[in-house]
Amino acid sequence: QVQLVESGGGLVQAGGSLRLSCAASGRTFSMYAMGWFRQAPGKEREFVAAISWSGGSTYYADSVKGRFTISRDNAKNTVTLQMNSLKPEDTAVYYCAADRVYSSSAGAYDYWGQGTQVTVSS
């Protein structure tokens, strides 16, 4: 069982940066791949980024590649999403998720946080 709590969301102007964090409970955090997803009003939840259990492999959606960076610290049970050059279309609720499988599919993840709102103004 893994419990996830996101933080770091907020309001930022276009071109700005935010850093999201996800704190995980449980002693087996290092055994889980982690993902970030987002959901804008009226839209499906979409993949943003994923990182393997070791941190040695990362994967990004084309829409955020080159602007967002996912990383993890297994000693601190945290995963972060550094978001730079933010655009209004990045506005959404951002969720972190955990699963034993390294995947870009939301359906593959068993554990989810409650989400944190990111709003980018133009």
N, C-alpha and C. Protein backbone atom coordinates (compact mmCIF):
# COMPACT_ATOMS: atom_id res chain seq x y z
N GLN A 1 0.84 -1.19 0.00
CA GLN A 1 0.00 0.00 0.00
C GLN A 1 0.88 1.24 0.00
N VAL A 2 0.54 2.19 -0.86
CA VAL A 2 1.28 3.45 -0.96
C VAL A 2 0.29 4.60 -0.88
N GLN A 3 0.58 5.58 -0.06
CA GLN A 3 -0.22 6.79 0.01
C GLN A 3 0.59 7.95 -0.53
N LEU A 4 -0.04 8.77 -1.35
CA LEU A 4 0.66 9.83 -2.06
C LEU A 4 0.01 11.18 -1.75
N VAL A 5 0.85 12.20 -1.52
CA VAL A 5 0.35 13.54 -1.25
C VAL A 5 1.15 14.53 -2.09
N GLU A 6 0.44 15.23 -2.98
CA GLU A 6 1.09 16.22 -3.84
C GLU A 6 1.09 17.60 -3.16
N SER A 7 2.06 18.41 -3.56
CA SER A 7 2.12 19.79 -3.11
C SER A 7 2.86 20.61 -4.15
N GLY A 8 2.77 21.92 -4.03
CA GLY A 8 3.54 22.80 -4.90
C GLY A 8 2.76 23.48 -6.00
N GLY A 9 1.49 23.16 -6.13
CA GLY A 9 0.70 23.81 -7.16
C GLY A 9 0.45 25.28 -6.83
N GLY A 10 -0.10 26.00 -7.79
CA GLY A 10 -0.40 27.40 -7.57
C GLY A 10 -0.68 28.13 -8.86
N LEU A 11 -0.67 29.44 -8.76
CA LEU A 11 -0.92 30.32 -9.89
C LEU A 11 0.39 30.93 -10.35
N VAL A 12 0.66 30.86 -11.64
CA VAL A 12 1.90 31.41 -12.19
C VAL A 12 1.61 32.02 -13.55
N GLN A 13 2.38 33.01 -13.92
CA GLN A 13 2.22 33.61 -15.24
C GLN A 13 2.88 32.74 -16.31
N ALA A 14 2.40 32.86 -17.52
CA ALA A 14 2.99 32.14 -18.64
C ALA A 14 4.49 32.45 -18.71
N GLY A 15 5.27 31.42 -18.95
CA GLY A 15 6.71 31.56 -18.99
C GLY A 15 7.39 31.29 -17.65
N GLY A 16 6.59 31.21 -16.61
CA GLY A 16 7.14 30.98 -15.28
C GLY A 16 7.37 29.51 -14.99
N SER A 17 7.73 29.24 -13.74
CA SER A 17 8.08 27.87 -13.32
C SER A 17 7.36 27.51 -12.03
N LEU A 18 7.12 26.22 -11.88
CA LEU A 18 6.62 25.66 -10.64
C LEU A 18 7.29 24.32 -10.40
N ARG A 19 7.39 23.94 -9.15
CA ARG A 19 7.96 22.65 -8.81
C ARG A 19 6.94 21.88 -7.97
N LEU A 20 6.46 20.79 -8.50
CA LEU A 20 5.52 19.94 -7.79
C LEU A 20 6.27 18.83 -7.06
N SER A 21 5.79 18.51 -5.87
CA SER A 21 6.37 17.40 -5.11
C SER A 21 5.29 16.40 -4.77
N CYS A 22 5.69 15.17 -4.65
CA CYS A 22 4.78 14.10 -4.24
C CYS A 22 5.50 13.30 -3.16
N ALA A 23 4.92 13.30 -1.98
CA ALA A 23 5.48 12.55 -0.86
C ALA A 23 4.75 11.22 -0.72
N ALA A 24 5.51 10.16 -0.62
CA ALA A 24 4.93 8.81 -0.55
C ALA A 24 5.18 8.18 0.81
N SER A 25 4.18 7.48 1.29
CA SER A 25 4.36 6.72 2.52
C SER A 25 4.73 5.29 2.17
N GLY A 26 5.25 4.58 3.13
CA GLY A 26 5.56 3.17 2.90
C GLY A 26 7.04 2.94 2.67
N ARG A 27 7.50 1.78 3.12
CA ARG A 27 8.93 1.49 3.02
C ARG A 27 9.33 0.91 1.68
N THR A 28 8.33 0.68 0.79
CA THR A 28 8.64 0.06 -0.49
C THR A 28 8.60 1.05 -1.65
N PHE A 29 8.71 2.34 -1.35
CA PHE A 29 8.61 3.36 -2.39
C PHE A 29 9.58 3.09 -3.53
N SER A 30 10.78 2.65 -3.20
CA SER A 30 11.80 2.45 -4.22
C SER A 30 11.47 1.31 -5.18
N MET A 31 10.44 0.54 -4.87
CA MET A 31 10.04 -0.56 -5.75
C MET A 31 9.00 -0.12 -6.77
N TYR A 32 8.54 1.13 -6.70
CA TYR A 32 7.46 1.61 -7.55
C TYR A 32 7.94 2.58 -8.60
N ALA A 33 7.43 2.40 -9.81
CA ALA A 33 7.55 3.44 -10.82
C ALA A 33 6.56 4.54 -10.46
N MET A 34 6.88 5.76 -10.82
CA MET A 34 6.05 6.90 -10.49
C MET A 34 5.68 7.66 -11.75
N GLY A 35 4.48 8.19 -11.75
CA GLY A 35 4.04 8.97 -12.89
C GLY A 35 3.35 10.25 -12.45
N TRP A 36 3.37 11.23 -13.33
CA TRP A 36 2.58 12.45 -13.17
C TRP A 36 1.56 12.50 -14.31
N PHE A 37 0.34 12.82 -13.94
CA PHE A 37 -0.74 12.97 -14.91
C PHE A 37 -1.43 14.30 -14.61
N ARG A 38 -2.23 14.76 -15.56
CA ARG A 38 -2.97 15.99 -15.33
C ARG A 38 -4.34 15.89 -15.98
N GLN A 39 -5.25 16.67 -15.43
CA GLN A 39 -6.61 16.69 -15.97
C GLN A 39 -7.14 18.11 -15.93
N ALA A 40 -7.45 18.61 -17.11
CA ALA A 40 -8.06 19.94 -17.25
C ALA A 40 -9.57 19.78 -17.25
N PRO A 41 -10.30 20.85 -16.90
CA PRO A 41 -11.77 20.77 -16.87
C PRO A 41 -12.34 20.30 -18.21
N GLY A 42 -13.19 19.32 -18.16
CA GLY A 42 -13.84 18.82 -19.36
C GLY A 42 -12.98 17.94 -20.23
N LYS A 43 -11.79 17.60 -19.76
CA LYS A 43 -10.88 16.78 -20.56
C LYS A 43 -10.52 15.49 -19.83
N GLU A 44 -10.03 14.54 -20.60
CA GLU A 44 -9.57 13.28 -20.04
C GLU A 44 -8.26 13.50 -19.27
N ARG A 45 -8.03 12.62 -18.31
CA ARG A 45 -6.74 12.65 -17.62
C ARG A 45 -5.66 12.24 -18.61
N GLU A 46 -4.55 12.98 -18.64
CA GLU A 46 -3.50 12.70 -19.61
C GLU A 46 -2.15 12.53 -18.94
N PHE A 47 -1.35 11.74 -19.58
CA PHE A 47 -0.01 11.45 -19.10
C PHE A 47 0.88 12.67 -19.26
N VAL A 48 1.74 12.90 -18.26
CA VAL A 48 2.71 13.99 -18.32
C VAL A 48 4.14 13.44 -18.34
N ALA A 49 4.48 12.63 -17.33
CA ALA A 49 5.84 12.12 -17.22
C ALA A 49 5.86 10.89 -16.33
N ALA A 50 6.85 10.04 -16.51
CA ALA A 50 7.02 8.86 -15.67
C ALA A 50 8.50 8.63 -15.41
N ILE A 51 8.77 7.96 -14.29
CA ILE A 51 10.15 7.65 -13.93
C ILE A 51 10.18 6.23 -13.37
N SER A 52 11.20 5.49 -13.74
CA SER A 52 11.31 4.11 -13.28
C SER A 52 11.67 4.05 -11.80
N TRP A 53 11.60 2.87 -11.22
CA TRP A 53 11.83 2.73 -9.78
C TRP A 53 13.21 3.22 -9.36
N SER A 54 14.20 3.04 -10.23
CA SER A 54 15.57 3.45 -9.89
C SER A 54 15.85 4.90 -10.25
N GLY A 55 14.97 5.48 -11.06
CA GLY A 55 15.24 6.82 -11.57
C GLY A 55 16.09 6.82 -12.83
N GLY A 56 16.47 5.64 -13.28
CA GLY A 56 17.36 5.56 -14.42
C GLY A 56 16.68 5.75 -15.76
N SER A 57 15.37 5.71 -15.77
CA SER A 57 14.63 5.87 -17.02
C SER A 57 13.48 6.84 -16.80
N THR A 58 13.32 7.76 -17.74
CA THR A 58 12.23 8.72 -17.68
C THR A 58 11.56 8.79 -19.04
N TYR A 59 10.32 9.23 -19.02
CA TYR A 59 9.53 9.32 -20.25
C TYR A 59 8.59 10.51 -20.12
N TYR A 60 8.44 11.27 -21.22
CA TYR A 60 7.63 12.48 -21.18
C TYR A 60 6.62 12.51 -22.32
N ALA A 61 5.51 13.16 -22.05
CA ALA A 61 4.58 13.46 -23.13
C ALA A 61 5.23 14.48 -24.05
N ASP A 62 4.92 14.42 -25.33
CA ASP A 62 5.51 15.34 -26.29
C ASP A 62 5.21 16.80 -25.92
N SER A 63 4.05 17.02 -25.33
CA SER A 63 3.64 18.39 -25.02
C SER A 63 4.48 19.06 -23.93
N VAL A 64 5.21 18.26 -23.15
CA VAL A 64 6.00 18.83 -22.06
C VAL A 64 7.49 18.56 -22.22
N LYS A 65 7.86 17.79 -23.20
CA LYS A 65 9.26 17.42 -23.39
C LYS A 65 10.10 18.67 -23.58
N GLY A 66 11.21 18.73 -22.84
CA GLY A 66 12.10 19.88 -22.92
C GLY A 66 11.73 21.00 -21.96
N ARG A 67 10.54 20.93 -21.36
CA ARG A 67 10.11 21.96 -20.41
C ARG A 67 9.97 21.40 -18.99
N PHE A 68 9.55 20.15 -18.88
CA PHE A 68 9.32 19.52 -17.58
C PHE A 68 10.41 18.48 -17.31
N THR A 69 10.74 18.31 -16.04
CA THR A 69 11.71 17.29 -15.63
C THR A 69 11.18 16.54 -14.42
N ILE A 70 11.15 15.23 -14.53
CA ILE A 70 10.73 14.39 -13.41
C ILE A 70 11.97 13.80 -12.75
N SER A 71 11.94 13.74 -11.44
CA SER A 71 13.06 13.15 -10.69
C SER A 71 12.52 12.52 -9.41
N ARG A 72 13.34 11.72 -8.77
CA ARG A 72 12.91 11.08 -7.53
C ARG A 72 14.07 10.96 -6.56
N ASP A 73 13.74 10.90 -5.29
CA ASP A 73 14.72 10.68 -4.24
C ASP A 73 14.19 9.54 -3.40
N ASN A 74 14.71 8.35 -3.61
CA ASN A 74 14.19 7.18 -2.91
C ASN A 74 14.51 7.20 -1.42
N ALA A 75 15.54 7.93 -1.03
CA ALA A 75 15.87 8.04 0.39
C ALA A 75 14.84 8.89 1.12
N LYS A 76 14.21 9.82 0.39
CA LYS A 76 13.23 10.72 1.00
C LYS A 76 11.80 10.37 0.61
N ASN A 77 11.63 9.31 -0.18
CA ASN A 77 10.29 8.91 -0.63
C ASN A 77 9.56 10.04 -1.34
N THR A 78 10.25 10.73 -2.22
CA THR A 78 9.62 11.83 -2.94
C THR A 78 9.89 11.75 -4.43
N VAL A 79 8.96 12.26 -5.19
CA VAL A 79 9.14 12.45 -6.62
C VAL A 79 8.74 13.89 -6.93
N THR A 80 9.48 14.52 -7.80
CA THR A 80 9.22 15.92 -8.13
C THR A 80 9.00 16.10 -9.62
N LEU A 81 8.30 17.16 -9.95
CA LEU A 81 8.10 17.54 -11.34
C LEU A 81 8.45 19.02 -11.44
N GLN A 82 9.60 19.30 -12.04
CA GLN A 82 10.01 20.68 -12.28
C GLN A 82 9.39 21.13 -13.60
N MET A 83 8.61 22.19 -13.54
CA MET A 83 7.90 22.67 -14.73
C MET A 83 8.40 24.06 -15.07
N ASN A 84 9.01 24.19 -16.23
CA ASN A 84 9.53 25.48 -16.71
C ASN A 84 8.78 25.91 -17.96
N SER A 85 8.92 27.17 -18.29
CA SER A 85 8.30 27.71 -19.51
C SER A 85 6.83 27.33 -19.59
N LEU A 86 6.13 27.54 -18.51
CA LEU A 86 4.74 27.13 -18.43
C LEU A 86 3.87 27.91 -19.40
N LYS A 87 2.85 27.21 -19.90
CA LYS A 87 1.91 27.78 -20.87
C LYS A 87 0.50 27.70 -20.29
N PRO A 88 -0.40 28.56 -20.75
CA PRO A 88 -1.78 28.48 -20.26
C PRO A 88 -2.40 27.09 -20.44
N GLU A 89 -2.00 26.40 -21.50
CA GLU A 89 -2.56 25.05 -21.73
C GLU A 89 -2.02 24.00 -20.76
N ASP A 90 -1.08 24.38 -19.91
CA ASP A 90 -0.62 23.46 -18.85
C ASP A 90 -1.54 23.52 -17.63
N THR A 91 -2.50 24.43 -17.64
CA THR A 91 -3.44 24.55 -16.52
C THR A 91 -4.23 23.27 -16.35
N ALA A 92 -4.19 22.71 -15.15
CA ALA A 92 -4.87 21.44 -14.87
C ALA A 92 -4.66 21.08 -13.41
N VAL A 93 -5.36 20.07 -12.97
CA VAL A 93 -5.04 19.42 -11.70
C VAL A 93 -4.00 18.35 -12.00
N TYR A 94 -2.91 18.38 -11.26
CA TYR A 94 -1.81 17.45 -11.48
C TYR A 94 -1.83 16.38 -10.39
N TYR A 95 -1.70 15.13 -10.83
CA TYR A 95 -1.74 13.99 -9.93
C TYR A 95 -0.46 13.19 -10.03
N CYS A 96 0.04 12.72 -8.91
CA CYS A 96 1.10 11.73 -8.98
C CYS A 96 0.51 10.35 -8.75
N ALA A 97 1.16 9.36 -9.29
CA ALA A 97 0.65 7.99 -9.23
C ALA A 97 1.82 7.03 -9.09
N ALA A 98 1.53 5.87 -8.52
CA ALA A 98 2.56 4.86 -8.29
C ALA A 98 2.08 3.49 -8.72
N ASP A 99 2.98 2.72 -9.26
CA ASP A 99 2.67 1.34 -9.59
C ASP A 99 3.97 0.56 -9.78
N ARG A 100 3.88 -0.75 -9.72
CA ARG A 100 5.05 -1.59 -9.96
C ARG A 100 5.46 -1.56 -11.43
N VAL A 101 4.51 -1.19 -12.29
CA VAL A 101 4.77 -1.18 -13.74
C VAL A 101 5.11 0.23 -14.19
N TYR A 102 6.15 0.37 -14.95
CA TYR A 102 6.59 1.65 -15.53
C TYR A 102 5.79 1.86 -16.80
N SER A 103 4.88 2.85 -16.77
CA SER A 103 3.94 2.99 -17.87
C SER A 103 3.51 4.43 -18.04
N SER A 104 3.03 4.75 -19.23
CA SER A 104 2.45 6.06 -19.50
C SER A 104 0.92 5.99 -19.50
N SER A 105 0.38 4.83 -19.17
CA SER A 105 -1.06 4.64 -19.17
C SER A 105 -1.62 4.83 -17.77
N ALA A 106 -2.62 5.71 -17.64
CA ALA A 106 -3.23 5.95 -16.32
C ALA A 106 -3.82 4.68 -15.75
N GLY A 107 -4.36 3.84 -16.60
CA GLY A 107 -4.99 2.61 -16.14
C GLY A 107 -4.03 1.63 -15.50
N ALA A 108 -2.74 1.82 -15.73
CA ALA A 108 -1.75 0.90 -15.16
C ALA A 108 -1.41 1.23 -13.73
N TYR A 109 -1.79 2.40 -13.26
CA TYR A 109 -1.38 2.86 -11.93
C TYR A 109 -2.47 2.54 -10.88
N ASP A 110 -2.03 1.94 -9.80
CA ASP A 110 -2.96 1.55 -8.74
C ASP A 110 -3.14 2.60 -7.66
N TYR A 111 -2.14 3.44 -7.46
CA TYR A 111 -2.16 4.38 -6.34
C TYR A 111 -2.08 5.81 -6.87
N TRP A 112 -2.94 6.68 -6.31
CA TRP A 112 -3.05 8.06 -6.78
C TRP A 112 -3.09 9.02 -5.60
N GLY A 113 -2.52 10.21 -5.82
CA GLY A 113 -2.68 11.28 -4.86
C GLY A 113 -3.98 12.02 -5.10
N GLN A 114 -4.21 13.05 -4.30
CA GLN A 114 -5.47 13.79 -4.37
C GLN A 114 -5.43 14.90 -5.42
N GLY A 115 -4.24 15.22 -5.89
CA GLY A 115 -4.09 16.23 -6.93
C GLY A 115 -3.76 17.60 -6.38
N THR A 116 -3.11 18.40 -7.20
CA THR A 116 -2.78 19.78 -6.85
C THR A 116 -3.03 20.65 -8.08
N GLN A 117 -3.65 21.79 -7.85
CA GLN A 117 -4.06 22.66 -8.97
C GLN A 117 -2.89 23.50 -9.46
N VAL A 118 -2.71 23.51 -10.76
CA VAL A 118 -1.75 24.40 -11.41
C VAL A 118 -2.52 25.29 -12.37
N THR A 119 -2.38 26.59 -12.22
CA THR A 119 -3.05 27.55 -13.09
C THR A 119 -2.01 28.47 -13.69
N VAL A 120 -1.99 28.54 -15.01
CA VAL A 120 -1.04 29.38 -15.73
C VAL A 120 -1.83 30.48 -16.42
N SER A 121 -1.56 31.71 -16.05
CA SER A 121 -2.27 32.84 -16.64
C SER A 121 -1.51 33.39 -17.84
N SER A 122 -2.26 33.90 -18.79
CA SER A 122 -1.62 34.42 -20.03
C SER A 122 -1.30 35.90 -19.88
